[in-house]
Amino acid sequence: MSAIGDLVSVRPLNSTPNTLQAEPPEFGKVVTVDGSDVPTRVIWFNLKDVTLAAAAAADLQMDTILAPLAASLALLGKVVLPITGSNVTLDPSGGTSREYAGTVVQIYGRRPIEDDQAAQVDWLLAKTDSGLYIEGRVVDFVELPGR
């Protein structure tokens, strides 16, 4: 469950990096919770103040954002390319297009807000040369040497 002051983000629809997006994911800070520790108000980093209503924490489809594990930090600032480990192809030829290559600008852990006992999964956010973003689990990316 969440506590006041926790950082949160909307849970991505897919854990496999498969879309380029114009904006990075939004992060916010939990301001209030109900008696069951379900967030009821979040102030997002874009300063949008949002009141939430959900019967249960799982209904919010949000993750608590955590500090990444030390091993994941090795990719920060590196150029990476998503790999297709989850049976997702990123271009029609069946490979991974270089347009999906990007420099890692952020690494963070994610854990569902409804399950404090769930294992943390580290995610990264990379910015491509075209200025778009791609987000996914650290394990779904490889470093591109020489870039």
Foldseek 3Di string as FASTA:
>chain_A
DADFFWKKFAADPDQAWADWALDDTKIWTQHDADPVRAGQWTQIPVRDIDGDDDPANVVRNMWTKAADDPVLCVQAQFWKFFFPPPVDARDPVRGTDLQRIFTWHDKIWTDRPRDPPDDTFIKTWGAGPVRIIIIHTSVRMDTDPPD
